C-alpha atoms as a PDB file:
ATOM      1  CA  MET A   1     -25.649   2.811  26.836  1.00  0.00           C
ATOM      2  CA  ASP A   2     -27.530   5.776  25.390  1.00  0.00           C
ATOM      3  CA  LYS A   3     -24.347   7.824  25.076  1.00  0.00           C
ATOM      4  CA  PHE A   4     -23.203   5.515  22.256  1.00  0.00           C
ATOM      5  CA  SER A   5     -25.686   6.655  19.667  1.00  0.00           C
ATOM      6  CA  ARG A   6     -25.022   4.689  16.501  1.00  0.00           C
ATOM      7  CA  ASN A   7     -26.829   7.249  14.385  1.00  0.00           C
ATOM      8  CA  ASP A   8     -24.963  10.225  15.883  1.00  0.00           C
ATOM      9  CA  MET A   9     -21.619   8.589  15.170  1.00  0.00           C
ATOM     10  CA  GLY A  10     -22.652   7.594  11.665  1.00  0.00           C
ATOM     11  CA  ILE A  11     -21.635   4.000  12.267  1.00  0.00           C
ATOM     12  CA  GLU A  12     -24.540   2.462  10.377  1.00  0.00           C
ATOM     13  CA  SER A  13     -23.712   4.623   7.386  1.00  0.00           C
ATOM     14  CA  ASN A  14     -20.040   3.589   7.505  1.00  0.00           C
ATOM     15  CA  PHE A  15     -20.868  -0.098   7.706  1.00  0.00           C
ATOM     16  CA  LYS A  16     -23.303   0.312   4.811  1.00  0.00           C
ATOM     17  CA  VAL A  17     -20.645   2.010   2.673  1.00  0.00           C
ATOM     18  CA  LEU A  18     -18.141  -0.717   3.539  1.00  0.00           C
ATOM     19  CA  ARG A  19     -20.634  -3.431   2.585  1.00  0.00           C
ATOM     20  CA  LYS A  20     -21.229  -1.771  -0.789  1.00  0.00           C
ATOM     21  CA  ILE A  21     -17.526  -1.210  -1.492  1.00  0.00           C
ATOM     22  CA  THR A  22     -16.609  -4.774  -0.563  1.00  0.00           C
ATOM     23  CA  ARG A  23     -19.499  -6.301  -2.529  1.00  0.00           C
ATOM     24  CA  LYS A  24     -18.673  -4.264  -5.635  1.00  0.00           C
ATOM     25  CA  ASN A  25     -14.915  -4.833  -5.615  1.00  0.00           C
ATOM     26  CA  SER A  26     -14.445  -8.235  -3.999  1.00  0.00           C
ATOM     27  CA  LYS A  27     -13.826 -10.022  -7.304  1.00  0.00           C
ATOM     28  CA  VAL A  28     -11.229  -7.481  -8.425  1.00  0.00           C
ATOM     29  CA  VAL A  29      -9.387  -7.735  -5.117  1.00  0.00           C
ATOM     30  CA  THR A  30      -9.460 -11.534  -4.835  1.00  0.00           C
ATOM     31  CA  ASP A  31      -8.427 -11.969  -8.486  1.00  0.00           C
ATOM     32  CA  HIS A  32      -5.525  -9.617  -7.782  1.00  0.00           C
ATOM     33  CA  ILE A  33      -4.502 -11.560  -4.655  1.00  0.00           C
ATOM     34  CA  ASN A  34      -4.680 -14.819  -6.576  1.00  0.00           C
ATOM     35  CA  SER A  35      -2.654 -13.557  -9.531  1.00  0.00           C
ATOM     36  CA  VAL A  36       0.036 -11.682  -7.618  1.00  0.00           C
ATOM     37  CA  TYR A  37       0.437 -13.589  -4.355  1.00  0.00           C
ATOM     38  CA  ILE A  38      -1.062 -17.091  -4.662  1.00  0.00           C
ATOM     39  CA  SER A  39      -0.652 -18.378  -8.229  1.00  0.00           C
ATOM     40  CA  ARG A  40       2.123 -15.828  -8.780  1.00  0.00           C
ATOM     41  CA  ASN A  41       1.435 -15.232 -12.419  1.00  0.00           C
ATOM     42  CA  PRO A  42       4.840 -14.421 -13.988  1.00  0.00           C
ATOM     43  CA  THR A  43       3.316 -11.432 -15.785  1.00  0.00           C
ATOM     44  CA  SER A  44       2.304  -9.892 -12.430  1.00  0.00           C
ATOM     45  CA  LYS A  45       4.934  -7.659 -10.869  1.00  0.00           C
ATOM     46  CA  ILE A  46       4.251  -7.192  -7.173  1.00  0.00           C
ATOM     47  CA  ASP A  47       5.991  -3.818  -6.985  1.00  0.00           C
ATOM     48  CA  ASN A  48       3.598  -2.442  -9.589  1.00  0.00           C
ATOM     49  CA  GLN A  49       0.482  -4.300  -8.470  1.00  0.00           C
ATOM     50  CA  VAL A  50      -0.492  -2.896  -5.080  1.00  0.00           C
ATOM     51  CA  LEU A  51      -4.201  -2.284  -4.586  1.00  0.00           C
ATOM     52  CA  CYS A  52      -6.465  -1.258  -1.743  1.00  0.00           C
ATOM     53  CA  MET A  53      -7.679  -4.544  -0.282  1.00  0.00           C
ATOM     54  CA  PHE A  54     -11.214  -3.215   0.125  1.00  0.00           C
ATOM     55  CA  CYS A  55     -12.081  -1.012  -2.858  1.00  0.00           C
ATOM     56  CA  GLY A  56      -9.381  -2.134  -5.303  1.00  0.00           C
ATOM     57  CA  THR A  57      -7.985   1.282  -6.193  1.00  0.00           C
ATOM     58  CA  ASP A  58      -4.258   1.803  -6.706  1.00  0.00           C
ATOM     59  CA  GLN A  59      -4.406   5.483  -5.737  1.00  0.00           C
ATOM     60  CA  ASN A  60      -3.480   7.191  -2.433  1.00  0.00           C
ATOM     61  CA  LEU A  61      -2.490   3.953  -0.742  1.00  0.00           C
ATOM     62  CA  THR A  62      -1.770   3.752   2.968  1.00  0.00           C
ATOM     63  CA  LYS A  63      -1.063   1.001   5.487  1.00  0.00           C
ATOM     64  CA  GLU A  64      -3.941  -0.377   7.532  1.00  0.00           C
ATOM     65  CA  HIS A  65      -3.034  -2.190  10.756  1.00  0.00           C
ATOM     66  CA  VAL A  66      -4.487  -5.682  10.851  1.00  0.00           C
ATOM     67  CA  VAL A  67      -4.830  -5.558  14.640  1.00  0.00           C
ATOM     68  CA  PRO A  68      -5.920  -2.039  15.666  1.00  0.00           C
ATOM     69  CA  LYS A  69      -3.175  -0.075  17.403  1.00  0.00           C
ATOM     70  CA  TRP A  70      -5.417   1.077  20.241  1.00  0.00           C
ATOM     71  CA  LEU A  71      -5.765  -2.527  21.413  1.00  0.00           C
ATOM     72  CA  ILE A  72      -2.050  -2.790  22.117  1.00  0.00           C
ATOM     73  CA  ASP A  73      -1.221   0.786  23.155  1.00  0.00           C
ATOM     74  CA  ALA A  74       0.527   1.319  19.804  1.00  0.00           C
ATOM     75  CA  SER A  75       3.472  -0.665  21.176  1.00  0.00           C
ATOM     76  CA  THR A  76       6.298  -1.257  18.691  1.00  0.00           C
ATOM     77  CA  LYS A  77       7.564  -4.288  20.604  1.00  0.00           C
ATOM     78  CA  LYS A  78       4.549  -6.534  21.169  1.00  0.00           C
ATOM     79  CA  LYS A  79       4.506  -9.531  18.851  1.00  0.00           C
ATOM     80  CA  PHE A  80       2.320 -12.419  17.772  1.00  0.00           C
ATOM     81  CA  THR A  81       3.517 -15.808  16.524  1.00  0.00           C
ATOM     82  CA  THR A  82       2.364 -17.518  13.354  1.00  0.00           C
ATOM     83  CA  ASN A  83       1.943 -21.220  14.072  1.00  0.00           C
ATOM     84  CA  ILE A  84       2.687 -22.218  10.480  1.00  0.00           C
ATOM     85  CA  ASN A  85       6.387 -21.321  10.698  1.00  0.00           C
ATOM     86  CA  GLY A  86       6.786 -20.405  14.369  1.00  0.00           C
ATOM     87  CA  LEU A  87       8.087 -16.914  13.570  1.00  0.00           C
ATOM     88  CA  SER A  88       7.074 -13.757  15.415  1.00  0.00           C
ATOM     89  CA  GLN A  89       6.014 -10.448  13.950  1.00  0.00           C
ATOM     90  CA  THR A  90       5.265  -7.169  15.698  1.00  0.00           C
ATOM     91  CA  TYR A  91       1.663  -6.003  15.661  1.00  0.00           C
ATOM     92  CA  ASN A  92       2.886  -2.528  14.794  1.00  0.00           C
ATOM     93  CA  LYS A  93       4.348  -3.674  11.462  1.00  0.00           C
ATOM     94  CA  THR A  94       1.482  -5.978  10.540  1.00  0.00           C
ATOM     95  CA  THR A  95      -0.396  -4.051   7.856  1.00  0.00           C
ATOM     96  CA  ILE A  96      -2.186  -4.447   4.545  1.00  0.00           C
ATOM     97  CA  PRO A  97      -2.573  -1.826   1.794  1.00  0.00           C
ATOM     98  CA  THR A  98      -5.692   0.311   1.840  1.00  0.00           C
ATOM     99  CA  CYS A  99      -6.483   3.621   0.238  1.00  0.00           C
ATOM    100  CA  ALA A 100      -6.719   6.782   2.293  1.00  0.00           C
ATOM    101  CA  ASN A 101     -10.504   6.882   1.994  1.00  0.00           C
ATOM    102  CA  CYS A 102     -11.095   3.308   3.166  1.00  0.00           C
ATOM    103  CA  ASN A 103      -8.479   3.635   5.892  1.00  0.00           C
ATOM    104  CA  ASN A 104      -9.214   7.043   7.350  1.00  0.00           C
ATOM    105  CA  ASN A 105     -12.853   7.690   6.544  1.00  0.00           C
ATOM    106  CA  ILE A 106     -14.413   4.227   6.836  1.00  0.00           C
ATOM    107  CA  LEU A 107     -12.211   1.834   8.828  1.00  0.00           C
ATOM    108  CA  GLY A 108     -10.926   4.639  11.037  1.00  0.00           C
ATOM    109  CA  SER A 109     -14.469   5.645  11.928  1.00  0.00           C
ATOM    110  CA  VAL A 110     -15.365   2.040  12.725  1.00  0.00           C
ATOM    111  CA  GLU A 111     -12.340   1.762  15.027  1.00  0.00           C
ATOM    112  CA  ALA A 112     -13.211   5.000  16.813  1.00  0.00           C
ATOM    113  CA  TYR A 113     -16.755   3.785  17.375  1.00  0.00           C
ATOM    114  CA  ILE A 114     -15.692   0.353  18.652  1.00  0.00           C
ATOM    115  CA  LYS A 115     -13.081   1.866  20.965  1.00  0.00           C
ATOM    116  CA  THR A 116     -15.683   4.196  22.457  1.00  0.00           C
ATOM    117  CA  LEU A 117     -18.184   1.368  22.776  1.00  0.00           C
ATOM    118  CA  ILE A 118     -15.797  -1.062  24.475  1.00  0.00           C
ATOM    119  CA  SER A 119     -14.291   1.557  26.779  1.00  0.00           C
ATOM    120  CA  GLY A 120     -17.796   2.309  28.063  1.00  0.00           C
ATOM    121  CA  LEU A 121     -18.768  -1.288  28.762  1.00  0.00           C
ATOM    122  CA  ASP A 122     -19.188  -2.482  32.330  1.00  0.00           C
ATOM    123  CA  LEU A 123     -20.272  -6.097  32.300  1.00  0.00           C
ATOM    124  CA  ASN A 124     -20.957  -5.908  36.027  1.00  0.00           C
ATOM    125  CA  GLN A 125     -23.728  -3.419  35.329  1.00  0.00           C
ATOM    126  CA  SER A 126     -25.261  -4.486  32.016  1.00  0.00           C
ATOM    127  CA  TYR A 127     -24.783  -6.392  28.781  1.00  0.00           C
ATOM    128  CA  PRO A 128     -24.882  -4.532  25.431  1.00  0.00           C
ATOM    129  CA  ASP A 129     -28.053  -4.707  23.387  1.00  0.00           C
ATOM    130  CA  ASP A 130     -28.193  -6.695  20.161  1.00  0.00           C
ATOM    131  CA  GLU A 131     -27.455  -3.771  17.845  1.00  0.00           C
ATOM    132  CA  TYR A 132     -24.198  -2.997  19.632  1.00  0.00           C
ATOM    133  CA  LEU A 133     -23.266  -6.683  19.660  1.00  0.00           C
ATOM    134  CA  MET A 134     -23.852  -6.958  15.918  1.00  0.00           C
ATOM    135  CA  ASN A 135     -21.535  -4.007  15.346  1.00  0.00           C
ATOM    136  CA  ILE A 136     -18.832  -5.744  17.386  1.00  0.00           C
ATOM    137  CA  ILE A 137     -19.353  -8.807  15.172  1.00  0.00           C
ATOM    138  CA  ARG A 138     -18.972  -6.661  12.044  1.00  0.00           C
ATOM    139  CA  TRP A 139     -15.727  -5.257  13.424  1.00  0.00           C
ATOM    140  CA  LEU A 140     -14.319  -8.718  14.195  1.00  0.00           C
ATOM    141  CA  GLU A 141     -15.201  -9.909  10.693  1.00  0.00           C
ATOM    142  CA  ILE A 142     -13.172  -7.028   9.266  1.00  0.00           C
ATOM    143  CA  ILE A 143     -10.174  -8.150  11.334  1.00  0.00           C
ATOM    144  CA  ASP A 144     -10.540 -11.726  10.051  1.00  0.00           C
ATOM    145  CA  TYR A 145     -10.632 -10.492   6.455  1.00  0.00           C
ATOM    146  CA  LYS A 146      -7.478  -8.449   7.012  1.00  0.00           C
ATOM    147  CA  PHE A 147      -5.702 -11.533   8.357  1.00  0.00           C
ATOM    148  CA  GLN A 148      -6.865 -13.542   5.348  1.00  0.00           C
ATOM    149  CA  VAL A 149      -5.280 -10.953   3.062  1.00  0.00           C
ATOM    150  CA  LEU A 150      -2.141 -10.637   5.186  1.00  0.00           C
ATOM    151  CA  ASN A 151      -1.353 -14.355   5.185  1.00  0.00           C
ATOM    152  CA  ALA A 152      -1.980 -14.609   1.452  1.00  0.00           C
ATOM    153  CA  LYS A 153       0.651 -11.907   0.973  1.00  0.00           C
ATOM    154  CA  ARG A 154       3.202 -13.138   3.525  1.00  0.00           C
ATOM    155  CA  ARG A 155       5.809 -15.715   2.552  1.00  0.00           C
ATOM    156  CA  PHE A 156       6.842 -18.726   4.643  1.00  0.00           C
ATOM    157  CA  LEU A 157      10.535 -17.593   4.485  1.00  0.00           C
ATOM    158  CA  SER A 158      11.860 -19.974   7.123  1.00  0.00           C
ATOM    159  CA  SER A 159      10.903 -22.082  10.123  1.00  0.00           C
ATOM    160  CA  LYS A 160      11.844 -21.293  13.694  1.00  0.00           C
ATOM    161  CA  ASP A 161      12.620 -24.975  14.281  1.00  0.00           C
ATOM    162  CA  SER A 162      14.039 -26.043  10.909  1.00  0.00           C
ATOM    163  CA  GLY A 163      15.541 -22.823   9.579  1.00  0.00           C
ATOM    164  CA  PHE A 164      15.571 -21.956   5.899  1.00  0.00           C
ATOM    165  CA  ILE A 165      13.726 -24.458   3.699  1.00  0.00           C
ATOM    166  CA  PRO A 166      14.377 -23.559   0.045  1.00  0.00           C
ATOM    167  CA  TYR A 167      11.347 -25.380  -1.340  1.00  0.00           C
ATOM    168  CA  LEU A 168       8.911 -23.690   1.045  1.00  0.00           C
ATOM    169  CA  SER A 169      10.507 -20.281   1.503  1.00  0.00           C
ATOM    170  CA  ASP A 170       8.505 -18.533  -1.222  1.00  0.00           C
ATOM    171  CA  PHE A 171       5.148 -20.164  -0.496  1.00  0.00           C
ATOM    172  CA  PRO A 172       2.326 -17.954   0.835  1.00  0.00           C
ATOM    173  CA  LEU A 173       1.667 -18.698   4.499  1.00  0.00           C
ATOM    174  CA  SER A 174      -2.034 -19.161   3.882  1.00  0.00           C
ATOM    175  CA  VAL A 175      -1.427 -22.077   1.513  1.00  0.00           C
ATOM    176  CA  LEU A 176       0.643 -24.030   4.037  1.00  0.00           C
ATOM    177  CA  ARG A 177      -2.283 -25.041   6.235  1.00  0.00           C
ATOM    178  CA  GLN A 178      -3.351 -28.618   6.727  1.00  0.00           C
ATOM    179  CA  GLU A 179      -6.970 -27.651   7.425  1.00  0.00           C
ATOM    180  CA  ILE A 180      -7.367 -26.449   3.820  1.00  0.00           C
ATOM    181  CA  ASP A 181      -5.365 -29.380   2.384  1.00  0.00           C
ATOM    182  CA  TYR A 182      -2.578 -26.992   1.280  1.00  0.00           C
ATOM    183  CA  SER A 183      -4.858 -25.879  -1.540  1.00  0.00           C
ATOM    184  CA  PRO A 184      -4.371 -22.489  -3.262  1.00  0.00           C
ATOM    185  CA  TYR A 185      -7.948 -22.756  -4.515  1.00  0.00           C
ATOM    186  CA  LYS A 186      -9.258 -23.084  -0.957  1.00  0.00           C
ATOM    187  CA  VAL A 187      -7.183 -20.062   0.116  1.00  0.00           C
ATOM    188  CA  ILE A 188      -8.973 -17.881  -2.412  1.00  0.00           C
ATOM    189  CA  SER A 189     -12.307 -19.459  -1.478  1.00  0.00           C
ATOM    190  CA  GLU A 190     -11.700 -18.602   2.187  1.00  0.00           C
ATOM    191  CA  ILE A 191     -10.824 -15.004   1.314  1.00  0.00           C
ATOM    192  CA  ARG A 192     -14.031 -14.703  -0.716  1.00  0.00           C
ATOM    193  CA  LYS A 193     -16.074 -16.121   2.164  1.00  0.00           C
ATOM    194  CA  SER A 194     -14.446 -13.726   4.607  1.00  0.00           C
ATOM    195  CA  ALA A 195     -15.181 -10.770   2.332  1.00  0.00           C
ATOM    196  CA  LYS A 196     -18.756 -11.966   1.886  1.00  0.00           C
ATOM    197  CA  ARG A 197     -19.303 -11.970   5.646  1.00  0.00           C
ATOM    198  CA  ILE A 198     -18.483  -8.251   5.616  1.00  0.00           C
ATOM    199  CA  THR A 199     -21.162  -7.659   2.964  1.00  0.00           C
ATOM    200  CA  VAL A 200     -23.954  -9.342   4.965  1.00  0.00           C
ATOM    201  CA  MET A 201     -25.945  -6.838   6.995  1.00  0.00           C
ATOM    202  CA  LYS A 202     -27.942  -9.292   9.122  1.00  0.00           C
ATOM    203  CA  LYS A 203     -26.010 -10.664  12.105  1.00  0.00           C
ATOM    204  CA  SER A 204     -28.862 -11.677  14.424  1.00  0.00           C
ATOM    205  CA  ASN A 205     -28.236 -15.368  13.722  1.00  0.00           C
ATOM    206  CA  LYS A 206     -24.653 -14.909  14.979  1.00  0.00           C
ATOM    207  CA  LEU A 207     -25.376 -13.314  18.343  1.00  0.00           C
ATOM    208  CA  ASN A 208     -24.876 -16.551  20.279  1.00  0.00           C
ATOM    209  CA  SER A 209     -21.500 -16.973  18.566  1.00  0.00           C
ATOM    210  CA  LEU A 210     -20.184 -13.842  20.305  1.00  0.00           C
ATOM    211  CA  LEU A 211     -19.037 -13.932  23.915  1.00  0.00           C
ATOM    212  CA  LEU A 212     -18.093 -10.937  26.042  1.00  0.00           C
ATOM    213  CA  ILE A 213     -16.358 -12.022  29.234  1.00  0.00           C
ATOM    214  CA  LYS A 214     -15.131 -10.056  32.220  1.00  0.00           C
ATOM    215  CA  THR A 215     -11.382 -10.538  32.784  1.00  0.00           C
ATOM    216  CA  THR A 216      -8.922  -9.476  35.458  1.00  0.00           C
ATOM    217  CA  ASN A 217      -5.743 -10.310  33.548  1.00  0.00           C
ATOM    218  CA  LYS A 218      -3.210  -7.490  33.248  1.00  0.00           C
ATOM    219  CA  ASP A 219      -1.975  -7.888  29.679  1.00  0.00           C
ATOM    220  CA  PHE A 220      -3.248  -8.076  26.127  1.00  0.00           C
ATOM    221  CA  HIS A 221      -3.791 -11.588  24.744  1.00  0.00           C
ATOM    222  CA  PHE A 222      -4.793 -12.593  21.264  1.00  0.00           C
ATOM    223  CA  PHE A 223      -5.196 -15.655  19.101  1.00  0.00           C
ATOM    224  CA  HIS A 224      -7.000 -16.210  15.838  1.00  0.00           C
ATOM    225  CA  SER A 225      -7.800 -19.072  13.477  1.00  0.00           C
ATOM    226  CA  MET A 226      -8.657 -17.680  10.054  1.00  0.00           C
ATOM    227  CA  GLY A 227     -12.316 -18.099   9.245  1.00  0.00           C
ATOM    228  CA  ASN A 228     -12.920 -20.074  12.455  1.00  0.00           C
ATOM    229  CA  PHE A 229     -12.597 -17.972  15.604  1.00  0.00           C
ATOM    230  CA  ILE A 230     -10.886 -15.037  17.270  1.00  0.00           C
ATOM    231  CA  PHE A 231     -10.027 -14.256  20.892  1.00  0.00           C
ATOM    232  CA  LEU A 232      -9.098 -10.801  22.163  1.00  0.00           C
ATOM    233  CA  GLU A 233      -8.350 -10.120  25.822  1.00  0.00           C
ATOM    234  CA  LEU A 234      -8.496  -6.366  26.323  1.00  0.00           C
ATOM    235  CA  HIS A 235      -6.866  -5.869  29.700  1.00  0.00           C
ATOM    236  CA  LYS A 236      -7.331  -2.097  29.693  1.00  0.00           C
ATOM    237  CA  TYR A 237     -11.094  -2.558  29.575  1.00  0.00           C
ATOM    238  CA  SER A 238     -11.324  -5.746  31.691  1.00  0.00           C
ATOM    239  CA  ILE A 239     -13.078  -7.480  28.796  1.00  0.00           C
ATOM    240  CA  ALA A 240     -12.296 -10.569  26.727  1.00  0.00           C
ATOM    241  CA  ILE A 241     -14.045 -11.212  23.413  1.00  0.00           C
ATOM    242  CA  PHE A 242     -14.487 -14.581  21.715  1.00  0.00           C
ATOM    243  CA  TYR A 243     -16.246 -14.972  18.389  1.00  0.00           C
ATOM    244  CA  PHE A 244     -16.920 -17.919  16.068  1.00  0.00           C
ATOM    245  CA  PHE A 245     -16.945 -16.779  12.440  1.00  0.00           C
ATOM    246  CA  LYS A 246     -18.727 -19.825  11.019  1.00  0.00           C
ATOM    247  CA  LYS A 247     -20.357 -21.735  13.852  1.00  0.00           C
ATOM    248  CA  GLU A 248     -23.807 -20.870  15.121  1.00  0.00           C
ATOM    249  CA  PHE A 249     -25.147 -21.959  18.509  1.00  0.00           C
ATOM    250  CA  LEU A 250     -28.591 -22.459  19.986  1.00  0.00           C
ATOM    251  CA  THR A 251     -27.494 -20.881  23.282  1.00  0.00           C
ATOM    252  CA  HIS A 252     -24.714 -18.760  24.709  1.00  0.00           C
ATOM    253  CA  SER A 253     -23.950 -21.621  27.059  1.00  0.00           C
ATOM    254  CA  ASP A 254     -23.166 -23.930  24.135  1.00  0.00           C
ATOM    255  CA  ALA A 255     -20.814 -21.349  22.651  1.00  0.00           C
ATOM    256  CA  GLN A 256     -19.161 -20.751  26.008  1.00  0.00           C
ATOM    257  CA  THR A 257     -18.418 -24.462  26.456  1.00  0.00           C
ATOM    258  CA  GLU A 258     -16.789 -24.646  23.033  1.00  0.00           C
ATOM    259  CA  ALA A 259     -14.872 -21.398  23.540  1.00  0.00           C
ATOM    260  CA  GLN A 260     -13.586 -22.487  26.934  1.00  0.00           C
ATOM    261  CA  ARG A 261     -12.200 -25.677  25.413  1.00  0.00           C
ATOM    262  CA  ILE A 262     -10.382 -23.703  22.709  1.00  0.00           C
ATOM    263  CA  VAL A 263      -8.999 -21.166  25.174  1.00  0.00           C
ATOM    264  CA  GLU A 264      -7.642 -23.913  27.412  1.00  0.00           C
ATOM    265  CA  GLU A 265      -5.895 -25.477  24.407  1.00  0.00           C
ATOM    266  CA  SER A 266      -4.570 -22.232  22.952  1.00  0.00           C
ATOM    267  CA  TYR A 267      -3.870 -19.869  25.821  1.00  0.00           C
END
């Protein structure tokens, strides 16, 4: 895998910059999310309170796709379903605000690197070395953070099964989760933890939590549990990726057993 030189592509530098930006501005961003979207402070006006969800600036804002477009061929029709209310949303319209610098110069460079890396993988021939695996982990942790932000911003609106529920319609999706006891405080805590994972350089203790699996399926599949795990089946590259954000395993085999159970329940 010599052709994927991390130094030549500047990936280590980009991850370092992202760690610094996130570490420096995490409190500003999470306080903003809490005030505007979770606690909904009446003095906060959403239309005038849009910030970059990484560096916290309110200048030159753009839309960053939560799930990278190259994974789904930039399709405008493919959707994912949120289990909380059963409603579908297109990947193409699933974005969070980021500034032009974070979007184009940092996150865009990370995406280009990961796309090149994954497109060059052949699991029949070899398995990536640890440095490449840790960069895949860093990329997946960015996706989890973006979902944390997205679901803090999104409203419940209505239920596919029950229709419009006035009491719940304006609640943030991220609050309406049994696993966090429907606690706004725990929502913010989870966002902070997700951001902190981005700021941690060392990922060697997480290598067994990442699984790369050869697949022959012919379509893109995805599911994600915020702060717990993510599954991406990249049909174009004949690779499926499973990663546990919190859990650590003594062996790959242990992780594979747990992942297989989750896939069978969720697929």
